[in-house]
Amino acid sequence: MMDAIGLRKDDDARLSGTLVCMITALIDGIGPAPEALGLALSELAARRSSEDFPPIAIKDSVRAMLRAGGFKPAGRQKPASEYLAQAAREGRFPAINGPVDCNNLLSLETGLPISLLDADELGGCAVVRICGDGESYVFNASGQEMDLSGLLCASAADGSPLGNPVKDSMRGKLKDGTRRVAGFIYAPLGPYSPVSLALVGERFATLLREHCGATGATAAMVV
């Protein structure tokens, strides 16, 4: 049984246009995606390869959501959902492992950026906040750091930023021994409502159950 993880959003006016849904689940382990998931992902990537995706209304709204704190979501700092869509257009869509492929399938369905983190790194509560000047974290195995100033982040109970709509931290990423996962779907208020985003969260929970043998998969909203 998975211990409950609280979820709260800082009382920050810059987050007023942001919705977040957190999905938590227990999985058996980190392994290759099953055949059915791999097929679904490759078929969707093939369809997206000839489309202008995400739709402009979603793309612009997601970028505006990230700009609310002063962050500039462009170039190498564009939302992860745009990176995945570009990878599909270029015929290099990544297959990583079961849980991450569920994450990427959902992002390629919706055009929304999603973090998928090791829930053990969160502590007892996940905090959605905008990072201050000078905050950063390492985001790849080469030790490169990302400047998080002004960027919406999912943070641990102690305030340590672990993931965001652009790149997740090395600390927060899934590891070989990860058994508890936490996904964060970031959505702009307007194109999405709490009700419609909660349905996306349930879709994520279903994917994890069907393709990763997840148990106790639940979705919780912070608005």
C-alpha atoms as a PDB file:
ATOM      1  CA  MET A   1       0.000   0.000   0.000  1.00  0.00           C
ATOM      2  CA  MET A   2       1.315   3.434  -0.952  1.00  0.00           C
ATOM      3  CA  ASP A   3       1.487   6.097   1.745  1.00  0.00           C
ATOM      4  CA  ALA A   4      -0.547   9.156   0.822  1.00  0.00           C
ATOM      5  CA  ILE A   5       1.344  12.139  -0.552  1.00  0.00           C
ATOM      6  CA  GLY A   6      -0.136  15.560   0.055  1.00  0.00           C
ATOM      7  CA  LEU A   7      -0.312  18.130  -2.722  1.00  0.00           C
ATOM      8  CA  ARG A   8      -0.478  21.891  -2.367  1.00  0.00           C
ATOM      9  CA  LYS A   9       0.177  24.995  -4.435  1.00  0.00           C
ATOM     10  CA  ASP A  10       1.907  28.083  -3.071  1.00  0.00           C
ATOM     11  CA  ASP A  11      -0.315  31.081  -2.470  1.00  0.00           C
ATOM     12  CA  ASP A  12       1.248  32.929  -5.395  1.00  0.00           C
ATOM     13  CA  ALA A  13      -0.850  35.021  -7.782  1.00  0.00           C
ATOM     14  CA  ARG A  14       1.444  33.989 -10.639  1.00  0.00           C
ATOM     15  CA  LEU A  15       0.090  30.441 -10.318  1.00  0.00           C
ATOM     16  CA  SER A  16      -3.544  31.495 -10.671  1.00  0.00           C
ATOM     17  CA  GLY A  17      -3.678  30.329 -14.302  1.00  0.00           C
ATOM     18  CA  THR A  18      -2.088  26.962 -13.585  1.00  0.00           C
ATOM     19  CA  LEU A  19      -3.750  23.622 -12.927  1.00  0.00           C
ATOM     20  CA  VAL A  20      -1.805  20.582 -11.740  1.00  0.00           C
ATOM     21  CA  CYS A  21      -2.943  16.991 -11.399  1.00  0.00           C
ATOM     22  CA  MET A  22      -0.744  14.548  -9.471  1.00  0.00           C
ATOM     23  CA  ILE A  23      -0.935  10.813 -10.141  1.00  0.00           C
ATOM     24  CA  THR A  24       0.659   8.411  -7.663  1.00  0.00           C
ATOM     25  CA  ALA A  25       1.090   4.665  -8.055  1.00  0.00           C
ATOM     26  CA  LEU A  26       3.050   1.603  -7.006  1.00  0.00           C
ATOM     27  CA  ILE A  27       4.805  -0.285  -9.784  1.00  0.00           C
ATOM     28  CA  ASP A  28       6.649  -3.611  -9.875  1.00  0.00           C
ATOM     29  CA  GLY A  29       9.786  -2.092 -11.359  1.00  0.00           C
ATOM     30  CA  ILE A  30      11.330  -0.132 -14.208  1.00  0.00           C
ATOM     31  CA  GLY A  31      11.454  -2.209 -17.378  1.00  0.00           C
ATOM     32  CA  PRO A  32      10.858  -2.010 -21.131  1.00  0.00           C
ATOM     33  CA  ALA A  33       7.408  -1.059 -22.317  1.00  0.00           C
ATOM     34  CA  PRO A  34       5.134  -3.996 -23.127  1.00  0.00           C
ATOM     35  CA  GLU A  35       4.364  -4.614 -26.788  1.00  0.00           C
ATOM     36  CA  ALA A  36       0.905  -3.042 -26.663  1.00  0.00           C
ATOM     37  CA  LEU A  37       2.234   0.218 -25.216  1.00  0.00           C
ATOM     38  CA  GLY A  38       5.118   0.340 -27.662  1.00  0.00           C
ATOM     39  CA  LEU A  39       2.722  -0.152 -30.575  1.00  0.00           C
ATOM     40  CA  ALA A  40       0.329   2.537 -29.336  1.00  0.00           C
ATOM     41  CA  LEU A  41       3.204   4.979 -28.869  1.00  0.00           C
ATOM     42  CA  SER A  42       4.750   4.312 -32.290  1.00  0.00           C
ATOM     43  CA  GLU A  43       1.369   4.616 -34.053  1.00  0.00           C
ATOM     44  CA  LEU A  44       0.577   7.918 -32.350  1.00  0.00           C
ATOM     45  CA  ALA A  45       4.070   9.273 -33.065  1.00  0.00           C
ATOM     46  CA  ALA A  46       3.604   8.358 -36.725  1.00  0.00           C
ATOM     47  CA  ARG A  47       0.314  10.299 -36.866  1.00  0.00           C
ATOM     48  CA  ARG A  48       1.811  13.293 -35.099  1.00  0.00           C
ATOM     49  CA  SER A  49       4.761  13.297 -37.534  1.00  0.00           C
ATOM     50  CA  SER A  50       2.591  14.940 -40.192  1.00  0.00           C
ATOM     51  CA  GLU A  51       0.629  17.252 -37.875  1.00  0.00           C
ATOM     52  CA  ASP A  52       1.228  20.702 -36.446  1.00  0.00           C
ATOM     53  CA  PHE A  53       1.093  19.561 -32.836  1.00  0.00           C
ATOM     54  CA  PRO A  54       0.422  20.689 -30.146  1.00  0.00           C
ATOM     55  CA  PRO A  55      -2.497  22.751 -31.466  1.00  0.00           C
ATOM     56  CA  ILE A  56      -1.663  26.432 -31.411  1.00  0.00           C
ATOM     57  CA  ALA A  57      -4.228  27.181 -28.671  1.00  0.00           C
ATOM     58  CA  ILE A  58      -2.625  24.618 -26.344  1.00  0.00           C
ATOM     59  CA  LYS A  59       0.930  25.531 -27.320  1.00  0.00           C
ATOM     60  CA  ASP A  60       0.420  29.252 -26.710  1.00  0.00           C
ATOM     61  CA  SER A  61      -1.477  28.698 -23.452  1.00  0.00           C
ATOM     62  CA  VAL A  62       1.172  26.349 -22.062  1.00  0.00           C
ATOM     63  CA  ARG A  63       3.914  28.818 -22.906  1.00  0.00           C
ATOM     64  CA  ALA A  64       1.955  31.644 -21.296  1.00  0.00           C
ATOM     65  CA  MET A  65       1.571  29.502 -18.166  1.00  0.00           C
ATOM     66  CA  LEU A  66       5.354  29.093 -17.985  1.00  0.00           C
ATOM     67  CA  ARG A  67       5.979  32.809 -18.627  1.00  0.00           C
ATOM     68  CA  ALA A  68       3.796  33.838 -15.672  1.00  0.00           C
ATOM     69  CA  GLY A  69       6.766  33.724 -13.295  1.00  0.00           C
ATOM     70  CA  GLY A  70       9.217  35.327 -15.718  1.00  0.00           C
ATOM     71  CA  PHE A  71      10.620  32.174 -17.341  1.00  0.00           C
ATOM     72  CA  LYS A  72      11.230  32.212 -21.115  1.00  0.00           C
ATOM     73  CA  PRO A  73       9.979  28.925 -22.651  1.00  0.00           C
ATOM     74  CA  ALA A  74      11.765  28.885 -25.989  1.00  0.00           C
ATOM     75  CA  GLY A  75      14.631  27.123 -27.737  1.00  0.00           C
ATOM     76  CA  ARG A  76      16.199  24.507 -25.492  1.00  0.00           C
ATOM     77  CA  GLN A  77      13.876  25.648 -22.711  1.00  0.00           C
ATOM     78  CA  LYS A  78      10.642  24.882 -24.554  1.00  0.00           C
ATOM     79  CA  PRO A  79       8.001  22.732 -22.839  1.00  0.00           C
ATOM     80  CA  ALA A  80       8.685  18.997 -22.852  1.00  0.00           C
ATOM     81  CA  SER A  81       5.458  18.417 -24.787  1.00  0.00           C
ATOM     82  CA  GLU A  82       6.833  20.481 -27.684  1.00  0.00           C
ATOM     83  CA  TYR A  83      10.095  18.528 -27.593  1.00  0.00           C
ATOM     84  CA  LEU A  84       8.195  15.225 -27.856  1.00  0.00           C
ATOM     85  CA  ALA A  85       6.099  16.519 -30.764  1.00  0.00           C
ATOM     86  CA  GLN A  86       9.249  17.683 -32.550  1.00  0.00           C
ATOM     87  CA  ALA A  87      10.849  14.275 -31.995  1.00  0.00           C
ATOM     88  CA  ALA A  88       7.793  12.649 -33.593  1.00  0.00           C
ATOM     89  CA  ARG A  89       8.005  14.953 -36.628  1.00  0.00           C
ATOM     90  CA  GLU A  90      11.700  14.130 -36.989  1.00  0.00           C
ATOM     91  CA  GLY A  91      11.127  10.366 -36.716  1.00  0.00           C
ATOM     92  CA  ARG A  92      13.204   9.973 -33.549  1.00  0.00           C
ATOM     93  CA  PHE A  93      10.533   9.518 -30.897  1.00  0.00           C
ATOM     94  CA  PRO A  94      12.163   7.952 -27.827  1.00  0.00           C
ATOM     95  CA  ALA A  95      11.186   4.639 -26.232  1.00  0.00           C
ATOM     96  CA  ILE A  96      12.506   4.666 -22.648  1.00  0.00           C
ATOM     97  CA  ASN A  97      10.704   2.303 -20.281  1.00  0.00           C
ATOM     98  CA  GLY A  98       7.134   1.406 -19.347  1.00  0.00           C
ATOM     99  CA  PRO A  99       6.265   4.270 -16.970  1.00  0.00           C
ATOM    100  CA  VAL A 100       8.052   6.955 -18.995  1.00  0.00           C
ATOM    101  CA  ASP A 101       6.465   5.694 -22.212  1.00  0.00           C
ATOM    102  CA  CYS A 102       3.033   5.987 -20.549  1.00  0.00           C
ATOM    103  CA  ASN A 103       3.986   9.570 -19.658  1.00  0.00           C
ATOM    104  CA  ASN A 104       5.098  10.324 -23.212  1.00  0.00           C
ATOM    105  CA  LEU A 105       2.036   8.723 -24.807  1.00  0.00           C
ATOM    106  CA  LEU A 106      -0.247  10.911 -22.693  1.00  0.00           C
ATOM    107  CA  SER A 107       1.768  14.034 -23.502  1.00  0.00           C
ATOM    108  CA  LEU A 108       1.586  13.231 -27.211  1.00  0.00           C
ATOM    109  CA  GLU A 109      -2.184  12.730 -26.881  1.00  0.00           C
ATOM    110  CA  THR A 110      -2.836  16.016 -25.079  1.00  0.00           C
ATOM    111  CA  GLY A 111       0.015  18.396 -25.882  1.00  0.00           C
ATOM    112  CA  LEU A 112       0.558  18.947 -22.152  1.00  0.00           C
ATOM    113  CA  PRO A 113       3.945  18.754 -20.378  1.00  0.00           C
ATOM    114  CA  ILE A 114       4.201  16.091 -17.671  1.00  0.00           C
ATOM    115  CA  SER A 115       6.795  15.281 -15.009  1.00  0.00           C
ATOM    116  CA  LEU A 116       7.250  11.690 -13.830  1.00  0.00           C
ATOM    117  CA  LEU A 117       9.185  11.474 -10.573  1.00  0.00           C
ATOM    118  CA  ASP A 118      10.387   9.010  -7.973  1.00  0.00           C
ATOM    119  CA  ALA A 119       7.792   9.585  -5.249  1.00  0.00           C
ATOM    120  CA  ASP A 120      10.261   8.651  -2.500  1.00  0.00           C
ATOM    121  CA  GLU A 121      12.080  11.918  -3.230  1.00  0.00           C
ATOM    122  CA  LEU A 122       8.994  13.999  -2.424  1.00  0.00           C
ATOM    123  CA  GLY A 123       8.649  13.293   1.258  1.00  0.00           C
ATOM    124  CA  GLY A 124       5.132  13.551   2.596  1.00  0.00           C
ATOM    125  CA  CYS A 125       3.948  16.413   0.389  1.00  0.00           C
ATOM    126  CA  ALA A 126       4.481  17.756  -3.115  1.00  0.00           C
ATOM    127  CA  VAL A 127       4.585  21.542  -3.398  1.00  0.00           C
ATOM    128  CA  VAL A 128       3.839  23.372  -6.641  1.00  0.00           C
ATOM    129  CA  ARG A 129       5.653  26.706  -6.663  1.00  0.00           C
ATOM    130  CA  ILE A 130       7.572  29.184  -8.786  1.00  0.00           C
ATOM    131  CA  CYS A 131      11.304  29.064  -8.165  1.00  0.00           C
ATOM    132  CA  GLY A 132      13.246  32.114  -7.097  1.00  0.00           C
ATOM    133  CA  ASP A 133      16.333  33.742  -8.582  1.00  0.00           C
ATOM    134  CA  GLY A 134      19.395  31.534  -8.479  1.00  0.00           C
ATOM    135  CA  GLU A 135      17.609  28.217  -7.991  1.00  0.00           C
ATOM    136  CA  SER A 136      18.801  25.400 -10.235  1.00  0.00           C
ATOM    137  CA  TYR A 137      19.209  21.644 -10.479  1.00  0.00           C
ATOM    138  CA  VAL A 138      21.156  19.057 -12.456  1.00  0.00           C
ATOM    139  CA  PHE A 139      18.979  17.609 -15.202  1.00  0.00           C
ATOM    140  CA  ASN A 140      21.189  15.078 -17.001  1.00  0.00           C
ATOM    141  CA  ALA A 141      23.897  12.516 -16.355  1.00  0.00           C
ATOM    142  CA  SER A 142      26.546  14.920 -17.663  1.00  0.00           C
ATOM    143  CA  GLY A 143      25.928  17.221 -14.714  1.00  0.00           C
ATOM    144  CA  GLN A 144      24.411  20.101 -16.665  1.00  0.00           C
ATOM    145  CA  GLU A 145      22.370  22.510 -14.570  1.00  0.00           C
ATOM    146  CA  MET A 146      19.122  24.233 -15.470  1.00  0.00           C
ATOM    147  CA  ASP A 147      18.351  27.732 -14.212  1.00  0.00           C
ATOM    148  CA  LEU A 148      14.902  27.493 -12.623  1.00  0.00           C
ATOM    149  CA  SER A 149      14.398  31.209 -11.924  1.00  0.00           C
ATOM    150  CA  GLY A 150      10.742  32.103 -12.464  1.00  0.00           C
ATOM    151  CA  LEU A 151       9.735  28.586 -13.513  1.00  0.00           C
ATOM    152  CA  LEU A 152       6.837  26.556 -12.192  1.00  0.00           C
ATOM    153  CA  CYS A 153       8.208  23.462 -10.412  1.00  0.00           C
ATOM    154  CA  ALA A 154       7.001  20.413  -8.514  1.00  0.00           C
ATOM    155  CA  SER A 155       9.027  20.404  -5.314  1.00  0.00           C
ATOM    156  CA  ALA A 156       9.589  18.088  -2.367  1.00  0.00           C
ATOM    157  CA  ALA A 157       8.126  18.738   1.068  1.00  0.00           C
ATOM    158  CA  ASP A 158      11.348  20.536   2.043  1.00  0.00           C
ATOM    159  CA  GLY A 159      11.036  22.869  -0.966  1.00  0.00           C
ATOM    160  CA  SER A 160      13.695  21.204  -3.143  1.00  0.00           C
ATOM    161  CA  PRO A 161      12.628  21.475  -6.809  1.00  0.00           C
ATOM    162  CA  LEU A 162      12.458  18.078  -8.505  1.00  0.00           C
ATOM    163  CA  GLY A 163      10.561  18.496 -11.770  1.00  0.00           C
ATOM    164  CA  ASN A 164       9.034  21.054 -14.094  1.00  0.00           C
ATOM    165  CA  PRO A 165       7.265  21.281 -17.472  1.00  0.00           C
ATOM    166  CA  VAL A 166      10.599  21.531 -19.313  1.00  0.00           C
ATOM    167  CA  LYS A 167      13.147  19.117 -17.781  1.00  0.00           C
ATOM    168  CA  ASP A 168      13.054  17.006 -14.633  1.00  0.00           C
ATOM    169  CA  SER A 169      15.963  16.795 -12.211  1.00  0.00           C
ATOM    170  CA  MET A 170      18.323  13.845 -12.009  1.00  0.00           C
ATOM    171  CA  ARG A 171      17.376  13.514  -8.354  1.00  0.00           C
ATOM    172  CA  GLY A 172      13.694  13.231  -9.202  1.00  0.00           C
ATOM    173  CA  LYS A 173      13.914  10.927 -12.223  1.00  0.00           C
ATOM    174  CA  LEU A 174      12.937   7.264 -12.013  1.00  0.00           C
ATOM    175  CA  LYS A 175      15.755   4.902 -11.012  1.00  0.00           C
ATOM    176  CA  ASP A 176      16.265   1.145 -11.311  1.00  0.00           C
ATOM    177  CA  GLY A 177      14.936   0.682  -7.789  1.00  0.00           C
ATOM    178  CA  THR A 178      11.962   3.042  -8.073  1.00  0.00           C
ATOM    179  CA  ARG A 179       8.693   1.488  -6.949  1.00  0.00           C
ATOM    180  CA  ARG A 180       6.628   4.559  -6.060  1.00  0.00           C
ATOM    181  CA  VAL A 181       5.988   7.012  -8.882  1.00  0.00           C
ATOM    182  CA  ALA A 182       4.379  10.445  -8.977  1.00  0.00           C
ATOM    183  CA  GLY A 183       3.322  12.114 -12.200  1.00  0.00           C
ATOM    184  CA  PHE A 184       2.489  15.822 -12.500  1.00  0.00           C
ATOM    185  CA  ILE A 185       0.371  17.041 -15.406  1.00  0.00           C
ATOM    186  CA  TYR A 186       0.661  20.815 -15.899  1.00  0.00           C
ATOM    187  CA  ALA A 187      -2.226  22.539 -17.689  1.00  0.00           C
ATOM    188  CA  PRO A 188      -3.314  26.123 -18.372  1.00  0.00           C
ATOM    189  CA  LEU A 189      -6.624  27.232 -16.898  1.00  0.00           C
ATOM    190  CA  GLY A 190      -8.939  28.085 -19.779  1.00  0.00           C
ATOM    191  CA  PRO A 191      -8.242  25.330 -22.280  1.00  0.00           C
ATOM    192  CA  TYR A 192      -8.526  22.999 -19.261  1.00  0.00           C
ATOM    193  CA  SER A 193     -10.755  23.030 -16.216  1.00  0.00           C
ATOM    194  CA  PRO A 194     -10.258  21.098 -12.968  1.00  0.00           C
ATOM    195  CA  VAL A 195     -12.812  18.567 -14.230  1.00  0.00           C
ATOM    196  CA  SER A 196     -11.232  18.033 -17.651  1.00  0.00           C
ATOM    197  CA  LEU A 197      -7.694  17.812 -16.247  1.00  0.00           C
ATOM    198  CA  ALA A 198      -8.837  15.303 -13.631  1.00  0.00           C
ATOM    199  CA  LEU A 199      -9.971  13.093 -16.532  1.00  0.00           C
ATOM    200  CA  VAL A 200      -6.487  13.330 -18.028  1.00  0.00           C
ATOM    201  CA  GLY A 201      -5.108  12.284 -14.649  1.00  0.00           C
ATOM    202  CA  GLU A 202      -7.399   9.266 -14.611  1.00  0.00           C
ATOM    203  CA  ARG A 203      -6.159   8.392 -18.099  1.00  0.00           C
ATOM    204  CA  PHE A 204      -2.565   8.440 -16.788  1.00  0.00           C
ATOM    205  CA  ALA A 205      -3.543   6.183 -13.874  1.00  0.00           C
ATOM    206  CA  THR A 206      -5.224   3.778 -16.299  1.00  0.00           C
ATOM    207  CA  LEU A 207      -2.157   3.634 -18.546  1.00  0.00           C
ATOM    208  CA  LEU A 208       0.061   2.818 -15.558  1.00  0.00           C
ATOM    209  CA  ARG A 209      -2.331   0.086 -14.424  1.00  0.00           C
ATOM    210  CA  GLU A 210      -2.678  -1.464 -17.874  1.00  0.00           C
ATOM    211  CA  HIS A 211       0.942  -1.331 -19.011  1.00  0.00           C
ATOM    212  CA  CYS A 212       3.021  -1.250 -15.818  1.00  0.00           C
ATOM    213  CA  GLY A 213       0.955  -3.372 -13.446  1.00  0.00           C
ATOM    214  CA  ALA A 214       0.498  -0.341 -11.195  1.00  0.00           C
ATOM    215  CA  THR A 215      -1.568  -0.676  -8.039  1.00  0.00           C
ATOM    216  CA  GLY A 216      -3.110   2.014  -5.885  1.00  0.00           C
ATOM    217  CA  ALA A 217      -3.007   4.455  -8.819  1.00  0.00           C
ATOM    218  CA  THR A 218      -4.871   7.633  -7.877  1.00  0.00           C
ATOM    219  CA  ALA A 219      -5.178  11.172  -9.213  1.00  0.00           C
ATOM    220  CA  ALA A 220      -5.416  14.347  -7.119  1.00  0.00           C
ATOM    221  CA  MET A 221      -5.981  17.912  -8.279  1.00  0.00           C
ATOM    222  CA  VAL A 222      -4.489  21.159  -7.044  1.00  0.00           C
ATOM    223  CA  VAL A 223      -6.073  24.289  -8.537  1.00  0.00           C
END
